[in-house]
Structure formats: C-alpha cells, structure tokens
Amino acid sequence: DVGIFFSIYRTASFFPIANSSNTTIIASIVLGASVVAGSDVSFGNLSVPARFIFTISNNKNYSRYDCVSWDFNAAGGRGNWTTNGCITKKDNTTSNRIECKCSHLTNFAILVDISSRINPKPQSVATKCALETITYIGVSLSLLG
C-alpha cells in the first residue's frame, strides 16, 4: 500500500531562513508532501515532477520569486531552504500565482526578495524637483484660499 500525506503550515516559523539578510521572506504557506510506502520505495528523484501552485498574498515590489524546498541536512543539520530540484514559473495571467515543479517530495514554499521594498531606489533629481514644485504650489493654493 502507498499513501500520500500532505501537511500545510500557515506560517514558516518552523522553517527559519538560515543566514538571512532580512531581504528574503516566505510569502506563501508551507506545503509538505510525502509518500508513505514500503521501505523499498524511494521518492527522491521523481520521473515526473510534482506540480504545486501557490498563491502569494502581497506581491508588491517583490523582485524575485523562488520555489524552494526544505533541506533537512543543510545548515549543519538545522535545515534550510534550497532551490535545488525545483523550477519556478510565475503565472502571467495573474500576479499572485506561482507554479513550482519539483523532482522530489518534502516541504515547499515561495521565497521572495523584498530588498526593493526595504531599500527603495533613490529618486532622481528631476523627480525630487517636480515633487517639491507640486508641494509648494499645493501649499500656496491652500493658504490663499
């Protein structure tokens, strides 16, 4: 007998990002997928990749999306996220769906880069000048009347 087991974690607190610079976060649920079978069955390298579609909640200013899986042996046995064995495809028809195809089963999630949100690009001199001019005009008009 073979059984398929799925688990869903609403937060990634059980799966911390090792050596994170605080510019990457988990933007999805964590989905665990495993197969319970006899000891002679291995599901490490699937001939047909497992396909998962994740919906991420707030994707504004994410500069990179990665399908990741949990490697229990990484970071000195503490575990860490890895992109090994997974392919990421962003759905062009909707801005919040990410498709993952992975060659193995474990825990999966979407890791995103939020550095553009934390460190926004500086404004150009022309943009600053235009915004200042609009501000002065607006303040002057409100004072006059």
C-alpha atoms as a PDB file:
ATOM      1  CA  ASP A   1       0.000   0.000   0.000  1.00  0.00           C
ATOM      2  CA  VAL A   2       1.086   3.536  -0.794  1.00  0.00           C
ATOM      3  CA  GLY A   3      -0.340   6.584   0.935  1.00  0.00           C
ATOM      4  CA  ILE A   4       0.110  10.270   0.109  1.00  0.00           C
ATOM      5  CA  PHE A   5       0.375  12.658   3.022  1.00  0.00           C
ATOM      6  CA  PHE A   6       0.058  16.454   2.816  1.00  0.00           C
ATOM      7  CA  SER A   7       0.582  18.974   5.585  1.00  0.00           C
ATOM      8  CA  ILE A   8       0.002  22.723   5.490  1.00  0.00           C
ATOM      9  CA  TYR A   9       1.748  25.246   7.705  1.00  0.00           C
ATOM     10  CA  ARG A  10       0.194  28.726   7.664  1.00  0.00           C
ATOM     11  CA  THR A  11       3.424  30.300   8.909  1.00  0.00           C
ATOM     12  CA  ALA A  12       7.013  29.358   8.268  1.00  0.00           C
ATOM     13  CA  SER A  13       8.132  29.684  11.884  1.00  0.00           C
ATOM     14  CA  PHE A  14       9.150  26.010  11.969  1.00  0.00           C
ATOM     15  CA  PHE A  15      11.340  26.642   8.902  1.00  0.00           C
ATOM     16  CA  PRO A  16      13.623  29.652   9.566  1.00  0.00           C
ATOM     17  CA  ILE A  17      15.806  31.010   6.784  1.00  0.00           C
ATOM     18  CA  ALA A  18      19.426  30.378   7.796  1.00  0.00           C
ATOM     19  CA  ASN A  19      21.906  33.222   7.216  1.00  0.00           C
ATOM     20  CA  SER A  20      19.152  35.551   6.035  1.00  0.00           C
ATOM     21  CA  SER A  21      19.932  39.200   5.378  1.00  0.00           C
ATOM     22  CA  ASN A  22      16.277  40.037   6.127  1.00  0.00           C
ATOM     23  CA  THR A  23      15.670  40.769   2.446  1.00  0.00           C
ATOM     24  CA  THR A  24      14.119  37.382   1.743  1.00  0.00           C
ATOM     25  CA  ILE A  25      10.889  36.119   3.255  1.00  0.00           C
ATOM     26  CA  ILE A  26       8.491  33.222   2.824  1.00  0.00           C
ATOM     27  CA  ALA A  27       5.441  34.669   1.030  1.00  0.00           C
ATOM     28  CA  SER A  28       3.238  31.578   0.966  1.00  0.00           C
ATOM     29  CA  ILE A  29       2.036  28.750   3.109  1.00  0.00           C
ATOM     30  CA  VAL A  30       4.454  25.872   3.599  1.00  0.00           C
ATOM     31  CA  LEU A  31       3.161  22.732   1.902  1.00  0.00           C
ATOM     32  CA  GLY A  32       4.548  19.385   2.961  1.00  0.00           C
ATOM     33  CA  ALA A  33       4.181  16.430   0.610  1.00  0.00           C
ATOM     34  CA  SER A  34       5.350  12.906   1.341  1.00  0.00           C
ATOM     35  CA  VAL A  35       4.563   9.333   0.420  1.00  0.00           C
ATOM     36  CA  VAL A  36       4.143   6.586   2.967  1.00  0.00           C
ATOM     37  CA  ALA A  37       5.123   3.286   1.396  1.00  0.00           C
ATOM     38  CA  GLY A  38       7.161   0.182   1.988  1.00  0.00           C
ATOM     39  CA  SER A  39      10.829   0.606   2.880  1.00  0.00           C
ATOM     40  CA  ASP A  40      11.925  -0.453  -0.615  1.00  0.00           C
ATOM     41  CA  VAL A  41      10.222   2.519  -2.332  1.00  0.00           C
ATOM     42  CA  SER A  42      12.145   5.758  -2.924  1.00  0.00           C
ATOM     43  CA  PHE A  43      10.670   9.081  -3.982  1.00  0.00           C
ATOM     44  CA  GLY A  44      13.852  11.175  -4.095  1.00  0.00           C
ATOM     45  CA  ASN A  45      14.070  11.671  -7.867  1.00  0.00           C
ATOM     46  CA  LEU A  46      10.619  11.657  -9.410  1.00  0.00           C
ATOM     47  CA  SER A  47      10.446  10.785 -13.111  1.00  0.00           C
ATOM     48  CA  VAL A  48       7.522  13.221 -13.460  1.00  0.00           C
ATOM     49  CA  PRO A  49       7.950  16.368 -11.361  1.00  0.00           C
ATOM     50  CA  ALA A  50       5.414  17.117  -8.632  1.00  0.00           C
ATOM     51  CA  ARG A  51       3.493  20.277  -9.545  1.00  0.00           C
ATOM     52  CA  PHE A  52       2.330  22.775  -6.930  1.00  0.00           C
ATOM     53  CA  ILE A  53       0.600  26.106  -7.450  1.00  0.00           C
ATOM     54  CA  PHE A  54       0.991  28.657  -4.680  1.00  0.00           C
ATOM     55  CA  THR A  55      -0.935  31.858  -4.181  1.00  0.00           C
ATOM     56  CA  ILE A  56       1.051  34.607  -2.528  1.00  0.00           C
ATOM     57  CA  SER A  57      -0.804  37.306  -0.659  1.00  0.00           C
ATOM     58  CA  ASN A  58       1.108  40.538  -1.159  1.00  0.00           C
ATOM     59  CA  ASN A  59       3.457  40.556  -4.123  1.00  0.00           C
ATOM     60  CA  LYS A  60       4.079  44.290  -4.416  1.00  0.00           C
ATOM     61  CA  ASN A  61       7.728  45.119  -5.010  1.00  0.00           C
ATOM     62  CA  TYR A  62       8.967  41.544  -4.915  1.00  0.00           C
ATOM     63  CA  SER A  63      11.958  41.457  -7.209  1.00  0.00           C
ATOM     64  CA  ARG A  64      12.403  37.664  -7.322  1.00  0.00           C
ATOM     65  CA  TYR A  65      10.250  34.596  -6.717  1.00  0.00           C
ATOM     66  CA  ASP A  66      11.744  31.192  -5.990  1.00  0.00           C
ATOM     67  CA  CYS A  67      10.141  27.829  -5.402  1.00  0.00           C
ATOM     68  CA  VAL A  68      12.074  26.344  -2.532  1.00  0.00           C
ATOM     69  CA  SER A  69      12.126  23.065  -0.673  1.00  0.00           C
ATOM     70  CA  TRP A  70      13.279  22.318   2.837  1.00  0.00           C
ATOM     71  CA  ASP A  71      16.628  20.528   3.037  1.00  0.00           C
ATOM     72  CA  PHE A  72      16.759  18.910   6.472  1.00  0.00           C
ATOM     73  CA  ASN A  73      20.543  18.340   6.198  1.00  0.00           C
ATOM     74  CA  ALA A  74      21.513  21.940   5.334  1.00  0.00           C
ATOM     75  CA  ALA A  75      22.955  24.488   7.791  1.00  0.00           C
ATOM     76  CA  GLY A  76      24.748  21.898   9.881  1.00  0.00           C
ATOM     77  CA  GLY A  77      21.651  19.738  10.320  1.00  0.00           C
ATOM     78  CA  ARG A  78      19.372  22.633  11.330  1.00  0.00           C
ATOM     79  CA  GLY A  79      17.811  22.719   7.856  1.00  0.00           C
ATOM     80  CA  ASN A  80      17.390  25.498   5.319  1.00  0.00           C
ATOM     81  CA  TRP A  81      15.523  26.359   2.149  1.00  0.00           C
ATOM     82  CA  THR A  82      17.022  25.412  -1.220  1.00  0.00           C
ATOM     83  CA  THR A  83      16.052  25.865  -4.860  1.00  0.00           C
ATOM     84  CA  ASN A  84      17.749  22.561  -5.827  1.00  0.00           C
ATOM     85  CA  GLY A  85      15.375  20.277  -7.692  1.00  0.00           C
ATOM     86  CA  CYS A  86      12.639  22.899  -8.202  1.00  0.00           C
ATOM     87  CA  ILE A  87      11.681  25.037 -11.187  1.00  0.00           C
ATOM     88  CA  THR A  88       9.777  28.300 -10.693  1.00  0.00           C
ATOM     89  CA  LYS A  89       7.218  29.634 -13.159  1.00  0.00           C
ATOM     90  CA  LYS A  90       5.238  32.800 -12.476  1.00  0.00           C
ATOM     91  CA  ASP A  91       1.714  32.748 -13.880  1.00  0.00           C
ATOM     92  CA  ASN A  92       1.458  35.682 -16.315  1.00  0.00           C
ATOM     93  CA  THR A  93      -2.345  35.731 -16.211  1.00  0.00           C
ATOM     94  CA  THR A  94      -2.464  36.607 -12.518  1.00  0.00           C
ATOM     95  CA  SER A  95       0.060  38.434 -10.389  1.00  0.00           C
ATOM     96  CA  ASN A  96      -0.170  36.240  -7.313  1.00  0.00           C
ATOM     97  CA  ARG A  97       0.124  32.652  -8.613  1.00  0.00           C
ATOM     98  CA  ILE A  98       3.456  30.851  -8.709  1.00  0.00           C
ATOM     99  CA  GLU A  99       3.867  27.369 -10.169  1.00  0.00           C
ATOM    100  CA  CYS A 100       6.527  25.021  -8.846  1.00  0.00           C
ATOM    101  CA  LYS A 101       7.710  21.785 -10.419  1.00  0.00           C
ATOM    102  CA  CYS A 102       9.942  19.751  -8.140  1.00  0.00           C
ATOM    103  CA  SER A 103      11.723  16.442  -8.624  1.00  0.00           C
ATOM    104  CA  HIS A 104      11.315  15.306  -5.026  1.00  0.00           C
ATOM    105  CA  LEU A 105       8.904  15.450  -2.087  1.00  0.00           C
ATOM    106  CA  THR A 106       9.438  17.404   1.144  1.00  0.00           C
ATOM    107  CA  ASN A 107       8.192  20.800   2.401  1.00  0.00           C
ATOM    108  CA  PHE A 108       7.750  23.550  -0.204  1.00  0.00           C
ATOM    109  CA  ALA A 109       7.139  27.302  -0.179  1.00  0.00           C
ATOM    110  CA  ILE A 110       7.720  30.504  -2.152  1.00  0.00           C
ATOM    111  CA  LEU A 111      10.745  32.551  -1.131  1.00  0.00           C
ATOM    112  CA  VAL A 112      10.675  36.186  -2.290  1.00  0.00           C
ATOM    113  CA  ASP A 113      13.181  39.018  -2.375  1.00  0.00           C
ATOM    114  CA  ILE A 114      11.861  42.154  -0.677  1.00  0.00           C
ATOM    115  CA  SER A 115      15.038  44.246  -0.943  1.00  0.00           C
ATOM    116  CA  SER A 116      13.332  46.735  -3.287  1.00  0.00           C
ATOM    117  CA  ARG A 117      10.673  47.279  -0.616  1.00  0.00           C
ATOM    118  CA  ILE A 118      13.204  47.711   2.194  1.00  0.00           C
ATOM    119  CA  ASN A 119      15.726  49.732   0.189  1.00  0.00           C
ATOM    120  CA  PRO A 120      13.698  51.701  -2.359  1.00  0.00           C
ATOM    121  CA  LYS A 121      15.516  53.161  -5.328  1.00  0.00           C
ATOM    122  CA  PRO A 122      16.530  56.777  -4.744  1.00  0.00           C
ATOM    123  CA  GLN A 123      14.530  59.397  -6.605  1.00  0.00           C
ATOM    124  CA  SER A 124      16.167  61.266  -9.437  1.00  0.00           C
ATOM    125  CA  VAL A 125      16.890  64.987  -9.103  1.00  0.00           C
ATOM    126  CA  ALA A 126      14.198  65.752 -11.696  1.00  0.00           C
ATOM    127  CA  THR A 127      11.597  63.758  -9.755  1.00  0.00           C
ATOM    128  CA  LYS A 128      12.528  65.441  -6.472  1.00  0.00           C
ATOM    129  CA  CYS A 129      12.323  68.872  -8.109  1.00  0.00           C
ATOM    130  CA  ALA A 130       8.921  68.114  -9.649  1.00  0.00           C
ATOM    131  CA  LEU A 131       7.528  66.834  -6.339  1.00  0.00           C
ATOM    132  CA  GLU A 132       8.825  69.862  -4.445  1.00  0.00           C
ATOM    133  CA  THR A 133       7.288  72.213  -7.013  1.00  0.00           C
ATOM    134  CA  ILE A 134       3.912  70.466  -6.788  1.00  0.00           C
ATOM    135  CA  THR A 135       4.100  70.593  -2.990  1.00  0.00           C
ATOM    136  CA  TYR A 136       4.851  74.347  -2.958  1.00  0.00           C
ATOM    137  CA  ILE A 137       2.022  75.046  -5.408  1.00  0.00           C
ATOM    138  CA  GLY A 138      -0.402  72.955  -3.385  1.00  0.00           C
ATOM    139  CA  VAL A 139       0.535  74.599  -0.079  1.00  0.00           C
ATOM    140  CA  SER A 140       0.329  78.077  -1.640  1.00  0.00           C
ATOM    141  CA  LEU A 141      -3.129  77.396  -3.088  1.00  0.00           C
ATOM    142  CA  SER A 142      -4.392  76.021   0.219  1.00  0.00           C
ATOM    143  CA  LEU A 143      -3.113  79.094   2.089  1.00  0.00           C
ATOM    144  CA  LEU A 144      -4.672  81.510  -0.421  1.00  0.00           C
ATOM    145  CA  GLY A 145      -7.926  80.041  -0.397  1.00  0.00           C
END
